[in-house]
């Protein structure tokens, strides 16, 4: 049987925590909901950052397509500063199981309005300068009684195109 000293065990734990693919704890005011897993919630895993600065805004919209992307019509909004590295797993509690859509905005410099800012949606639809607002049915997904994990890849403007960072 292999016996580890406390120092070696500590170093091993640090190495495993820093390893690529290691799970990062959920962020945001609803993080405890994702940890418990006993209420409906969405764990939005955001990646593809152009810069590690500014703020993220995650808006969750309910099942009414007419309210999708309308000002103030979201079910829940979470705002957080961008972390220094890695994907940002943001937990958002939702009121009940059902159909939802997620919109994410990366305000790179924190000024609230800039063509250089990034954004993305649940189910990662293709975006363009003429199609910045996807249709609800292209981004909607179902949430059951527990935590539904989704990935959102951020898109940014590069010249006349909107695409993820390469």
Protein backbone atom coordinates (compact mmCIF):
# COMPACT_ATOMS: atom_id res chain seq x y z
CA UNK A 1 0.00 0.00 0.00
CA UNK A 2 1.33 3.46 -0.95
CA UNK A 3 1.62 5.85 1.95
CA UNK A 4 1.65 9.58 1.19
CA UNK A 5 3.08 12.23 3.46
CA UNK A 6 0.87 15.23 4.18
CA UNK A 7 3.14 17.42 2.01
CA UNK A 8 2.95 15.06 -1.00
CA UNK A 9 -0.81 14.65 -0.59
CA UNK A 10 -1.22 18.43 -0.49
CA UNK A 11 0.85 18.89 -3.64
CA UNK A 12 -1.16 16.18 -5.38
CA UNK A 13 -4.43 17.87 -4.42
CA UNK A 14 -3.19 21.20 -5.79
CA UNK A 15 -2.06 19.56 -9.04
CA UNK A 16 -5.40 17.81 -9.52
CA UNK A 17 -7.34 21.01 -8.83
CA UNK A 18 -5.29 22.90 -11.41
CA UNK A 19 -5.46 20.15 -14.03
CA UNK A 20 -7.24 20.94 -17.29
CA UNK A 21 -10.82 19.76 -17.16
CA UNK A 22 -10.99 19.99 -13.38
CA UNK A 23 -14.46 21.02 -12.34
CA UNK A 24 -14.70 24.61 -11.19
CA UNK A 25 -17.23 25.55 -8.53
CA UNK A 26 -20.41 27.27 -9.67
CA UNK A 27 -20.34 31.06 -9.45
CA UNK A 28 -22.99 33.64 -8.69
CA UNK A 29 -25.64 34.32 -6.07
CA UNK A 30 -27.44 31.03 -6.89
CA UNK A 31 -24.33 28.82 -6.63
CA UNK A 32 -25.73 26.95 -3.59
CA UNK A 33 -28.73 25.87 -5.69
CA UNK A 34 -26.43 24.18 -8.21
CA UNK A 35 -24.40 22.57 -5.44
CA UNK A 36 -27.50 21.08 -3.80
CA UNK A 37 -29.14 20.07 -7.09
CA UNK A 38 -32.57 19.81 -5.47
CA UNK A 39 -34.23 22.77 -7.26
CA UNK A 40 -34.50 23.71 -10.93
CA UNK A 41 -31.42 25.65 -12.04
CA UNK A 42 -29.23 26.24 -15.06
CA UNK A 43 -25.45 25.91 -14.86
CA UNK A 44 -24.26 28.14 -17.71
CA UNK A 45 -20.67 27.20 -18.62
CA UNK A 46 -19.30 30.24 -20.45
CA UNK A 47 -16.06 30.08 -22.40
CA UNK A 48 -14.26 31.60 -25.39
CA UNK A 49 -13.31 34.92 -23.80
CA UNK A 50 -11.55 37.48 -26.00
CA UNK A 51 -10.26 39.29 -22.90
CA UNK A 52 -10.28 38.54 -19.18
CA UNK A 53 -11.72 41.88 -18.16
CA UNK A 54 -15.06 43.55 -17.64
CA UNK A 55 -18.36 41.98 -16.63
CA UNK A 56 -20.67 39.17 -17.65
CA UNK A 57 -24.44 39.43 -17.71
CA UNK A 58 -26.51 36.25 -17.96
CA UNK A 59 -30.20 36.69 -18.75
CA UNK A 60 -32.56 33.73 -18.56
CA UNK A 61 -35.84 34.00 -20.48
CA UNK A 62 -38.94 31.88 -19.87
CA UNK A 63 -41.16 29.98 -22.27
CA UNK A 64 -42.82 32.95 -24.00
CA UNK A 65 -41.01 33.58 -27.33
CA UNK A 66 -42.53 37.10 -27.50
CA UNK A 67 -40.53 38.12 -24.41
CA UNK A 68 -37.20 36.73 -25.62
CA UNK A 69 -34.54 39.48 -25.69
CA UNK A 70 -37.09 42.17 -24.79
CA UNK A 71 -35.79 44.69 -22.26
CA UNK A 72 -36.64 43.66 -18.70
CA UNK A 73 -38.57 40.53 -19.77
CA UNK A 74 -36.09 37.99 -18.43
CA UNK A 75 -36.95 35.57 -15.62
CA UNK A 76 -33.59 36.03 -13.89
CA UNK A 77 -30.45 38.09 -14.43
CA UNK A 78 -26.99 37.51 -12.95
CA UNK A 79 -24.12 40.01 -13.28
CA UNK A 80 -20.55 39.08 -12.33
CA UNK A 81 -17.03 40.35 -12.99
CA UNK A 82 -15.04 38.18 -15.41
CA UNK A 83 -12.66 35.78 -13.67
CA UNK A 84 -8.92 35.71 -14.45
CA UNK A 85 -8.88 32.36 -16.24
CA UNK A 86 -10.90 29.38 -17.40
CA UNK A 87 -14.54 28.86 -18.18
CA UNK A 88 -17.06 30.63 -15.96
CA UNK A 89 -19.73 28.24 -14.64
CA UNK A 90 -22.55 30.54 -13.53
CA UNK A 91 -25.51 29.06 -11.69
CA UNK A 92 -28.94 30.59 -12.27
CA UNK A 93 -31.91 29.32 -10.27
CA UNK A 94 -35.21 29.21 -12.18
CA UNK A 95 -38.68 29.22 -10.65
CA UNK A 96 -39.83 25.85 -12.00
CA UNK A 97 -39.10 23.13 -14.52
CA UNK A 98 -39.87 24.24 -18.06
CA UNK A 99 -38.48 25.75 -21.24
CA UNK A 100 -35.86 28.50 -21.03
CA UNK A 101 -33.37 30.41 -23.19
CA UNK A 102 -30.11 32.03 -22.10
CA UNK A 103 -28.43 35.18 -23.45
CA UNK A 104 -24.93 36.15 -22.25
CA UNK A 105 -23.20 39.49 -22.71
CA UNK A 106 -19.49 40.11 -22.10
CA UNK A 107 -18.97 43.82 -21.49
CA UNK A 108 -15.20 43.85 -22.01
CA UNK A 109 -14.46 47.31 -20.63
CA UNK A 110 -17.44 47.72 -18.30
CA UNK A 111 -18.91 50.71 -20.13
CA UNK A 112 -22.20 49.00 -20.99
CA UNK A 113 -22.13 49.64 -24.72
CA UNK A 114 -19.47 48.79 -27.26
CA UNK A 115 -19.26 47.00 -30.62
CA UNK A 116 -16.24 45.16 -29.27
CA UNK A 117 -18.29 43.43 -26.57
CA UNK A 118 -19.09 39.76 -26.91
CA UNK A 119 -22.14 37.64 -26.46
CA UNK A 120 -23.61 34.22 -26.84
CA UNK A 121 -26.74 32.15 -26.47
CA UNK A 122 -27.80 28.74 -25.25
CA UNK A 123 -27.39 26.10 -27.95
CA UNK A 124 -24.76 28.36 -29.60
CA UNK A 125 -26.58 29.53 -32.75
CA UNK A 126 -24.56 30.97 -35.61
CA UNK A 127 -24.56 34.80 -35.50
CA UNK A 128 -23.79 37.48 -38.07
CA UNK A 129 -23.99 41.26 -38.38
CA UNK A 130 -27.41 40.81 -39.97
CA UNK A 131 -28.52 38.14 -37.47
CA UNK A 132 -27.52 39.19 -33.95
CA UNK A 133 -30.85 38.09 -32.44
CA UNK A 134 -31.50 34.37 -32.93
CA UNK A 135 -35.02 32.98 -32.90
CA UNK A 136 -36.28 31.67 -29.56
CA UNK A 137 -36.81 28.14 -30.88
CA UNK A 138 -33.13 28.00 -31.90
CA UNK A 139 -31.89 28.69 -28.36
CA UNK A 140 -34.61 27.25 -26.08
CA UNK A 141 -34.00 24.11 -24.01
CA UNK A 142 -35.77 22.21 -21.23
CA UNK A 143 -34.94 22.28 -17.55
CA UNK A 144 -36.22 19.51 -15.28
CA UNK A 145 -36.39 19.42 -11.49
CA UNK A 146 -32.62 19.62 -11.00
CA UNK A 147 -29.62 21.35 -12.54
CA UNK A 148 -29.41 21.56 -16.34
CA UNK A 149 -25.90 22.28 -17.61
CA UNK A 150 -25.45 24.19 -20.88
CA UNK A 151 -22.39 25.55 -22.68
CA UNK A 152 -22.23 29.03 -24.16
CA UNK A 153 -19.35 30.01 -26.43
CA UNK A 154 -18.91 33.77 -26.67
CA UNK A 155 -18.88 35.49 -30.08
CA UNK A 156 -17.18 38.80 -30.93
CA UNK A 157 -17.04 41.13 -33.90
CA UNK A 158 -13.98 40.66 -36.11
CA UNK A 159 -14.23 43.08 -39.02
CA UNK A 160 -17.51 42.27 -40.77
CA UNK A 161 -17.99 38.90 -39.08
CA UNK A 162 -19.33 37.72 -35.73
CA UNK A 163 -17.61 34.57 -34.50
CA UNK A 164 -15.91 32.88 -31.55
CA UNK A 165 -12.26 33.64 -30.76
CA UNK A 166 -9.93 31.27 -32.61
